[in-house]
C-alpha atoms as a PDB file:
ATOM      1  CA  MET A   1     107.430  47.878  52.772  1.00  0.00           C
ATOM      2  CA  ALA A   2     109.762  50.545  54.713  1.00  0.00           C
ATOM      3  CA  VAL A   3     106.606  52.279  55.640  1.00  0.00           C
ATOM      4  CA  ARG A   4     104.658  49.127  56.971  1.00  0.00           C
ATOM      5  CA  ALA A   5     108.109  48.448  58.788  1.00  0.00           C
ATOM      6  CA  ASP A   6     108.518  51.837  60.349  1.00  0.00           C
ATOM      7  CA  ALA A   7     104.649  51.341  61.395  1.00  0.00           C
ATOM      8  CA  THR A   8     105.455  48.166  63.102  1.00  0.00           C
ATOM      9  CA  LYS A   9     108.644  49.568  64.895  1.00  0.00           C
ATOM     10  CA  GLN A  10     106.603  52.569  66.252  1.00  0.00           C
ATOM     11  CA  TRP A  11     103.646  50.206  67.421  1.00  0.00           C
ATOM     12  CA  HIS A  12     106.111  47.887  69.178  1.00  0.00           C
ATOM     13  CA  SER A  13     107.604  51.232  70.843  1.00  0.00           C
ATOM     14  CA  VAL A  14     104.505  52.242  71.673  1.00  0.00           C
ATOM     15  CA  VAL A  15     103.248  48.956  73.495  1.00  0.00           C
ATOM     16  CA  THR A  16     106.586  48.928  75.633  1.00  0.00           C
ATOM     17  CA  GLU A  17     105.643  52.437  76.597  1.00  0.00           C
ATOM     18  CA  PHE A  18     102.062  51.945  77.515  1.00  0.00           C
ATOM     19  CA  ILE A  19     103.129  48.507  79.559  1.00  0.00           C
ATOM     20  CA  ARG A  20     105.988  50.374  81.016  1.00  0.00           C
ATOM     21  CA  HIS A  21     103.328  53.185  82.449  1.00  0.00           C
ATOM     22  CA  ASN A  22     101.047  50.714  83.391  1.00  0.00           C
ATOM     23  CA  ARG A  23     103.557  48.044  84.870  1.00  0.00           C
ATOM     24  CA  ASP A  24     101.380  47.817  88.263  1.00  0.00           C
ATOM     25  CA  GLN A  25      98.471  46.896  86.236  1.00  0.00           C
ATOM     26  CA  GLU A  26     100.381  43.682  84.449  1.00  0.00           C
ATOM     27  CA  PHE A  27      99.021  43.992  81.192  1.00  0.00           C
ATOM     28  CA  ASP A  28     102.143  42.102  79.812  1.00  0.00           C
ATOM     29  CA  LYS A  29     100.641  38.973  81.300  1.00  0.00           C
ATOM     30  CA  TYR A  30      98.502  38.657  78.107  1.00  0.00           C
ATOM     31  CA  GLY A  31     101.414  38.880  75.560  1.00  0.00           C
ATOM     32  CA  ARG A  32     101.721  41.693  72.851  1.00  0.00           C
ATOM     33  CA  PRO A  33      98.881  42.908  70.864  1.00  0.00           C
ATOM     34  CA  ALA A  34      99.479  42.917  67.328  1.00  0.00           C
ATOM     35  CA  THR A  35     100.612  45.758  64.984  1.00  0.00           C
ATOM     36  CA  PRO A  36      97.049  47.128  63.795  1.00  0.00           C
ATOM     37  CA  LEU A  37      95.819  46.561  60.105  1.00  0.00           C
ATOM     38  CA  PRO A  38      95.974  49.303  57.466  1.00  0.00           C
ATOM     39  CA  PRO A  39      92.798  50.970  56.919  1.00  0.00           C
ATOM     40  CA  ARG A  40      90.559  49.039  55.056  1.00  0.00           C
ATOM     41  CA  PHE A  41      89.845  52.419  52.800  1.00  0.00           C
ATOM     42  CA  PRO A  42      92.168  55.210  52.385  1.00  0.00           C
ATOM     43  CA  ASP A  43      88.903  57.362  51.433  1.00  0.00           C
ATOM     44  CA  THR A  44      87.777  59.016  54.894  1.00  0.00           C
ATOM     45  CA  MET A  45      83.995  59.150  53.331  1.00  0.00           C
ATOM     46  CA  LYS A  46      84.020  55.182  52.217  1.00  0.00           C
ATOM     47  CA  ARG A  47      85.469  54.266  55.422  1.00  0.00           C
ATOM     48  CA  PHE A  48      82.977  56.105  57.535  1.00  0.00           C
ATOM     49  CA  ALA A  49      80.260  54.608  55.629  1.00  0.00           C
ATOM     50  CA  TYR A  50      81.530  51.122  56.035  1.00  0.00           C
ATOM     51  CA  PHE A  51      81.866  51.601  60.193  1.00  0.00           C
ATOM     52  CA  ILE A  52      78.255  53.162  60.291  1.00  0.00           C
ATOM     53  CA  THR A  53      76.796  50.171  58.076  1.00  0.00           C
ATOM     54  CA  TYR A  54      78.170  47.687  60.221  1.00  0.00           C
ATOM     55  CA  GLN A  55      77.240  49.472  63.488  1.00  0.00           C
ATOM     56  CA  ALA A  56      74.517  47.972  65.884  1.00  0.00           C
ATOM     57  CA  ILE A  57      73.499  44.857  63.725  1.00  0.00           C
ATOM     58  CA  SER A  58      74.992  41.292  63.113  1.00  0.00           C
ATOM     59  CA  ALA A  59      77.740  41.170  60.212  1.00  0.00           C
ATOM     60  CA  ARG A  60      76.404  38.561  58.098  1.00  0.00           C
ATOM     61  CA  CYS A  61      73.334  41.118  57.253  1.00  0.00           C
ATOM     62  CA  CYS A  62      75.696  43.989  57.069  1.00  0.00           C
ATOM     63  CA  ASP A  63      77.724  42.175  54.526  1.00  0.00           C
ATOM     64  CA  SER A  64      74.910  42.119  52.039  1.00  0.00           C
ATOM     65  CA  ILE A  65      74.000  45.654  52.763  1.00  0.00           C
ATOM     66  CA  TRP A  66      77.407  46.899  52.398  1.00  0.00           C
ATOM     67  CA  ASP A  67      77.793  45.067  48.995  1.00  0.00           C
ATOM     68  CA  GLN A  68      74.764  46.841  47.638  1.00  0.00           C
ATOM     69  CA  LEU A  69      75.862  50.222  48.876  1.00  0.00           C
ATOM     70  CA  VAL A  70      79.373  49.878  46.994  1.00  0.00           C
ATOM     71  CA  ASP A  71      77.662  48.693  43.753  1.00  0.00           C
ATOM     72  CA  LEU A  72      75.300  51.815  44.009  1.00  0.00           C
ATOM     73  CA  VAL A  73      77.859  54.288  44.896  1.00  0.00           C
ATOM     74  CA  GLU A  74      80.190  52.727  41.863  1.00  0.00           C
ATOM     75  CA  HIS A  75      77.546  52.693  39.490  1.00  0.00           C
ATOM     76  CA  LEU A  76      76.921  56.595  40.180  1.00  0.00           C
ATOM     77  CA  LEU A  77      81.009  56.998  39.862  1.00  0.00           C
ATOM     78  CA  LEU A  78      80.879  55.203  36.501  1.00  0.00           C
ATOM     79  CA  SER A  79      78.281  57.228  35.330  1.00  0.00           C
ATOM     80  CA  LEU A  80      79.627  60.512  36.118  1.00  0.00           C
ATOM     81  CA  GLY A  81      82.853  59.133  34.105  1.00  0.00           C
ATOM     82  CA  ALA A  82      85.209  58.868  37.320  1.00  0.00           C
ATOM     83  CA  ASP A  83      88.686  57.448  37.022  1.00  0.00           C
ATOM     84  CA  THR A  84      88.462  55.536  40.102  1.00  0.00           C
ATOM     85  CA  TYR A  85      86.040  54.007  42.737  1.00  0.00           C
ATOM     86  CA  ASP A  86      88.600  54.371  45.735  1.00  0.00           C
ATOM     87  CA  ALA A  87      87.430  57.913  46.657  1.00  0.00           C
ATOM     88  CA  TRP A  88      83.616  58.595  47.560  1.00  0.00           C
ATOM     89  CA  PRO A  89      82.970  62.204  46.884  1.00  0.00           C
ATOM     90  CA  PRO A  90      80.732  63.148  49.851  1.00  0.00           C
ATOM     91  CA  GLY A  91      78.492  65.445  47.682  1.00  0.00           C
ATOM     92  CA  LEU A  92      77.777  62.511  45.260  1.00  0.00           C
ATOM     93  CA  VAL A  93      76.795  60.317  48.604  1.00  0.00           C
ATOM     94  CA  ALA A  94      74.663  63.167  50.086  1.00  0.00           C
ATOM     95  CA  SER A  95      72.717  63.541  46.605  1.00  0.00           C
ATOM     96  CA  ILE A  96      71.604  59.825  46.718  1.00  0.00           C
ATOM     97  CA  PRO A  97      68.017  59.764  46.956  1.00  0.00           C
ATOM     98  CA  PRO A  98      66.987  58.185  50.480  1.00  0.00           C
ATOM     99  CA  GLY A  99      64.710  55.581  48.677  1.00  0.00           C
ATOM    100  CA  GLU A 100      67.632  54.346  47.172  1.00  0.00           C
ATOM    101  CA  LEU A 101      69.331  53.377  50.372  1.00  0.00           C
ATOM    102  CA  TYR A 102      66.297  52.692  52.554  1.00  0.00           C
ATOM    103  CA  GLY A 103      64.750  48.971  53.350  1.00  0.00           C
ATOM    104  CA  ARG A 104      64.190  46.169  50.689  1.00  0.00           C
ATOM    105  CA  ALA A 105      63.432  49.024  47.973  1.00  0.00           C
ATOM    106  CA  GLY A 106      66.796  50.280  48.299  1.00  0.00           C
ATOM    107  CA  VAL A 107      70.083  49.031  49.374  1.00  0.00           C
ATOM    108  CA  GLY A 108      68.518  47.978  52.707  1.00  0.00           C
ATOM    109  CA  LEU A 109      69.967  50.710  55.372  1.00  0.00           C
ATOM    110  CA  SER A 110      67.857  51.819  58.063  1.00  0.00           C
ATOM    111  CA  ARG A 111      66.573  55.246  58.071  1.00  0.00           C
ATOM    112  CA  SER A 112      69.292  56.235  61.197  1.00  0.00           C
ATOM    113  CA  LYS A 113      72.059  55.069  59.126  1.00  0.00           C
ATOM    114  CA  ILE A 114      71.095  56.923  56.093  1.00  0.00           C
ATOM    115  CA  LYS A 115      70.846  60.099  57.899  1.00  0.00           C
ATOM    116  CA  ALA A 116      74.236  59.368  59.818  1.00  0.00           C
ATOM    117  CA  ILE A 117      75.920  58.471  56.580  1.00  0.00           C
ATOM    118  CA  GLN A 118      74.538  61.361  54.547  1.00  0.00           C
ATOM    119  CA  GLY A 119      74.677  63.923  57.246  1.00  0.00           C
ATOM    120  CA  LEU A 120      78.290  63.210  57.573  1.00  0.00           C
ATOM    121  CA  ALA A 121      78.618  63.232  53.804  1.00  0.00           C
ATOM    122  CA  ARG A 122      77.386  67.209  53.854  1.00  0.00           C
ATOM    123  CA  GLU A 123      79.716  67.989  56.770  1.00  0.00           C
ATOM    124  CA  LEU A 124      82.668  66.574  54.735  1.00  0.00           C
ATOM    125  CA  ALA A 125      81.674  68.275  51.754  1.00  0.00           C
ATOM    126  CA  SER A 126      82.468  71.762  53.413  1.00  0.00           C
ATOM    127  CA  PRO A 127      86.085  72.048  54.447  1.00  0.00           C
ATOM    128  CA  SER A 128      85.063  74.319  56.930  1.00  0.00           C
ATOM    129  CA  SER A 129      82.383  72.474  58.905  1.00  0.00           C
ATOM    130  CA  ALA A 130      82.839  71.624  62.644  1.00  0.00           C
ATOM    131  CA  THR A 131      83.543  68.104  61.414  1.00  0.00           C
ATOM    132  CA  SER A 132      86.177  68.271  58.642  1.00  0.00           C
ATOM    133  CA  VAL A 133      88.191  70.667  60.600  1.00  0.00           C
ATOM    134  CA  ALA A 134      88.088  68.290  63.645  1.00  0.00           C
ATOM    135  CA  LEU A 135      89.217  65.369  61.386  1.00  0.00           C
ATOM    136  CA  ARG A 136      92.009  67.047  59.554  1.00  0.00           C
ATOM    137  CA  ASP A 137      93.477  68.549  62.746  1.00  0.00           C
ATOM    138  CA  PRO A 138      96.369  66.446  64.342  1.00  0.00           C
ATOM    139  CA  THR A 139      96.634  68.630  67.243  1.00  0.00           C
ATOM    140  CA  ARG A 140      93.176  67.627  68.512  1.00  0.00           C
ATOM    141  CA  SER A 141      92.794  64.746  71.274  1.00  0.00           C
ATOM    142  CA  SER A 142      90.857  61.924  70.104  1.00  0.00           C
ATOM    143  CA  SER A 143      88.493  62.460  72.779  1.00  0.00           C
ATOM    144  CA  GLU A 144      87.780  65.884  71.494  1.00  0.00           C
ATOM    145  CA  VAL A 145      87.278  64.823  67.958  1.00  0.00           C
ATOM    146  CA  ILE A 146      85.092  62.228  68.875  1.00  0.00           C
ATOM    147  CA  ARG A 147      83.004  64.852  71.136  1.00  0.00           C
ATOM    148  CA  VAL A 148      82.662  67.329  68.014  1.00  0.00           C
ATOM    149  CA  VAL A 149      82.007  64.335  65.267  1.00  0.00           C
ATOM    150  CA  SER A 150      79.535  62.596  67.326  1.00  0.00           C
ATOM    151  CA  SER A 151      77.715  65.711  68.367  1.00  0.00           C
ATOM    152  CA  GLN A 152      77.617  67.138  64.882  1.00  0.00           C
ATOM    153  CA  ILE A 153      75.800  64.196  63.054  1.00  0.00           C
ATOM    154  CA  LYS A 154      72.958  62.448  64.164  1.00  0.00           C
ATOM    155  CA  GLY A 155      73.198  58.677  64.293  1.00  0.00           C
ATOM    156  CA  LEU A 156      76.619  58.497  64.407  1.00  0.00           C
ATOM    157  CA  GLY A 157      77.817  57.715  67.938  1.00  0.00           C
ATOM    158  CA  PRO A 158      80.903  57.975  69.981  1.00  0.00           C
ATOM    159  CA  PHE A 159      81.940  54.266  69.427  1.00  0.00           C
ATOM    160  CA  THR A 160      81.697  54.464  65.691  1.00  0.00           C
ATOM    161  CA  VAL A 161      83.869  58.053  65.395  1.00  0.00           C
ATOM    162  CA  ALA A 162      86.215  55.931  68.018  1.00  0.00           C
ATOM    163  CA  SER A 163      86.373  52.788  65.879  1.00  0.00           C
ATOM    164  CA  PHE A 164      87.245  55.055  62.604  1.00  0.00           C
ATOM    165  CA  LEU A 165      90.086  56.936  64.448  1.00  0.00           C
ATOM    166  CA  ILE A 166      91.377  53.961  65.697  1.00  0.00           C
ATOM    167  CA  GLU A 167      91.928  52.392  62.381  1.00  0.00           C
ATOM    168  CA  SER A 168      93.169  55.650  61.552  1.00  0.00           C
ATOM    169  CA  GLY A 169      96.217  54.989  63.423  1.00  0.00           C
ATOM    170  CA  ARG A 170      95.210  57.455  66.540  1.00  0.00           C
ATOM    171  CA  LEU A 171      96.904  56.041  69.671  1.00  0.00           C
ATOM    172  CA  ASP A 172      95.382  57.835  72.444  1.00  0.00           C
ATOM    173  CA  ILE A 173      91.838  56.327  72.384  1.00  0.00           C
ATOM    174  CA  ALA A 174      90.336  54.447  74.965  1.00  0.00           C
ATOM    175  CA  ASN A 175      87.328  53.013  73.456  1.00  0.00           C
ATOM    176  CA  TYR A 176      85.027  52.420  76.492  1.00  0.00           C
ATOM    177  CA  HIS A 177      81.604  53.100  74.374  1.00  0.00           C
ATOM    178  CA  ASP A 178      82.301  49.727  73.127  1.00  0.00           C
ATOM    179  CA  VAL A 179      80.245  47.140  75.430  1.00  0.00           C
ATOM    180  CA  VAL A 180      83.050  44.334  74.333  1.00  0.00           C
ATOM    181  CA  MET A 181      86.044  46.697  75.584  1.00  0.00           C
ATOM    182  CA  ARG A 182      83.980  47.303  78.926  1.00  0.00           C
ATOM    183  CA  ARG A 183      83.751  43.473  79.544  1.00  0.00           C
ATOM    184  CA  GLY A 184      87.174  43.091  79.091  1.00  0.00           C
ATOM    185  CA  LEU A 185      87.569  46.212  81.640  1.00  0.00           C
ATOM    186  CA  MET A 186      85.430  43.870  84.105  1.00  0.00           C
ATOM    187  CA  LEU A 187      87.502  40.703  83.566  1.00  0.00           C
ATOM    188  CA  HIS A 188      90.804  42.741  83.866  1.00  0.00           C
ATOM    189  CA  TYR A 189      90.095  44.450  87.099  1.00  0.00           C
ATOM    190  CA  GLU A 190      88.005  41.712  88.523  1.00  0.00           C
ATOM    191  CA  LEU A 191      84.661  43.663  88.982  1.00  0.00           C
ATOM    192  CA  PRO A 192      81.436  41.940  89.718  1.00  0.00           C
ATOM    193  CA  ARG A 193      79.654  43.581  86.529  1.00  0.00           C
ATOM    194  CA  VAL A 194      80.275  45.429  83.495  1.00  0.00           C
ATOM    195  CA  PRO A 195      81.218  48.930  84.104  1.00  0.00           C
ATOM    196  CA  THR A 196      79.094  52.084  82.893  1.00  0.00           C
ATOM    197  CA  VAL A 197      80.702  54.528  80.331  1.00  0.00           C
ATOM    198  CA  ALA A 198      81.327  57.097  83.113  1.00  0.00           C
ATOM    199  CA  GLN A 199      83.098  54.084  84.979  1.00  0.00           C
ATOM    200  CA  ALA A 200      85.242  52.719  82.374  1.00  0.00           C
ATOM    201  CA  ALA A 201      86.225  56.586  81.658  1.00  0.00           C
ATOM    202  CA  ARG A 202      87.477  56.692  85.089  1.00  0.00           C
ATOM    203  CA  LEU A 203      89.237  53.215  85.091  1.00  0.00           C
ATOM    204  CA  THR A 204      91.007  54.267  81.740  1.00  0.00           C
ATOM    205  CA  ALA A 205      92.156  57.857  82.666  1.00  0.00           C
ATOM    206  CA  THR A 206      95.354  56.825  84.186  1.00  0.00           C
ATOM    207  CA  TRP A 207      96.465  54.834  81.228  1.00  0.00           C
ATOM    208  CA  GLY A 208      98.678  57.287  79.845  1.00  0.00           C
ATOM    209  CA  ALA A 209      99.138  58.754  76.252  1.00  0.00           C
ATOM    210  CA  TYR A 210      98.930  55.563  74.374  1.00  0.00           C
ATOM    211  CA  LYS A 211      95.154  54.438  75.341  1.00  0.00           C
ATOM    212  CA  THR A 212      94.539  52.605  72.160  1.00  0.00           C
ATOM    213  CA  VAL A 213      97.116  49.830  73.046  1.00  0.00           C
ATOM    214  CA  GLY A 214      94.932  49.254  76.521  1.00  0.00           C
ATOM    215  CA  THR A 215      91.704  49.173  74.201  1.00  0.00           C
ATOM    216  CA  LYS A 216      93.240  46.452  72.083  1.00  0.00           C
ATOM    217  CA  TYR A 217      94.246  44.421  75.166  1.00  0.00           C
ATOM    218  CA  MET A 218      90.604  44.599  76.644  1.00  0.00           C
ATOM    219  CA  PHE A 219      89.087  43.357  73.368  1.00  0.00           C
ATOM    220  CA  TYR A 220      91.566  40.445  73.549  1.00  0.00           C
ATOM    221  CA  VAL A 221      90.624  39.902  77.347  1.00  0.00           C
ATOM    222  CA  ALA A 222      86.908  40.045  76.488  1.00  0.00           C
ATOM    223  CA  ASN A 223      86.918  37.666  73.400  1.00  0.00           C
ATOM    224  CA  ARG A 224      89.678  35.020  74.535  1.00  0.00           C
ATOM    225  CA  PRO A 225      87.947  31.730  74.840  1.00  0.00           C
ATOM    226  CA  PRO A 226      87.016  30.851  78.817  1.00  0.00           C
ATOM    227  CA  ARG A 227      89.366  28.702  80.894  1.00  0.00           C
ATOM    228  CA  MET A 228      87.373  25.651  81.909  1.00  0.00           C
ATOM    229  CA  SER A 229      88.187  22.505  84.033  1.00  0.00           C
ATOM    230  CA  GLU A 230      87.990  19.352  82.417  1.00  0.00           C
ATOM    231  CA  ALA A 231      84.581  18.496  84.021  1.00  0.00           C
ATOM    232  CA  GLU A 232      83.117  21.826  82.722  1.00  0.00           C
ATOM    233  CA  CYS A 233      84.580  21.082  79.295  1.00  0.00           C
ATOM    234  CA  HIS A 234      82.694  17.532  79.293  1.00  0.00           C
ATOM    235  CA  ALA A 235      79.456  19.317  80.490  1.00  0.00           C
ATOM    236  CA  TYR A 236      79.956  21.880  77.686  1.00  0.00           C
ATOM    237  CA  GLU A 237      80.394  19.212  75.360  1.00  0.00           C
ATOM    238  CA  LEU A 238      77.294  17.321  76.206  1.00  0.00           C
ATOM    239  CA  ALA A 239      75.032  20.299  76.403  1.00  0.00           C
ATOM    240  CA  ALA A 240      76.222  20.833  72.837  1.00  0.00           C
ATOM    241  CA  ARG A 241      75.375  17.134  71.464  1.00  0.00           C
ATOM    242  CA  VAL A 242      71.843  17.831  73.233  1.00  0.00           C
ATOM    243  CA  ARG A 243      71.195  21.004  71.355  1.00  0.00           C
ATOM    244  CA  ARG A 244      72.399  19.241  67.999  1.00  0.00           C
ATOM    245  CA  ALA A 245      70.330  16.198  68.519  1.00  0.00           C
ATOM    246  CA  ARG A 246      67.304  18.544  69.261  1.00  0.00           C
ATOM    247  CA  ARG A 247      67.900  20.510  65.788  1.00  0.00           C
ATOM    248  CA  ALA A 248      68.200  17.388  64.075  1.00  0.00           C
ATOM    249  CA  ARG A 249      64.898  16.085  65.049  1.00  0.00           C
ATOM    250  CA  THR A 250      63.022  19.564  64.071  1.00  0.00           C
END
């Protein structure tokens, strides 16, 4: 519990510094973002495989695919006499025949995601690879790590790498590759349209050292319920009732 308490204390001091650095932008009107949750999985290979599995399609579809992928890898680990399922050896993941991973005959992954997962596995299996070196180097900026890793592995984009690093505890990430985050920028800065990646990069360049806090704020802004007048609420509820009635008749 002491480790978790220290992490919470550090996060609150980081949020305070971010708000102070960006006082003119009034981020504090949204309250304070909650302390980030610890990583889903401590193992790098397994955590990256999770993020790749869930990129681009609905979570409901991904849940089934992920469960099947976990079952497959754990079956292989069991057959090798592994003592734990927590760590996914990159060499093992790289050696799985693509046919066991692809489509209905496999666990349901697309070809691009298979290339990304197994390409990453091959990189992680080599301690001297550019990806392995970048991920282990705490002195590199997150933007540099994102550039190196996403350029080395086909199908693994900057958004996924940034999401992985945020969950890993990196504090200097403005994840403007995520369209939801850019929608938050549009709302916060009252822009006429969602900014491009290049425009978002310029908007977040002044955020200081703790850009991850700003990313958290932008996700909050984009996802919070819209504020509607009483008349708008009534119109919204009426439209919902009409939709439900039409579904009931079909």
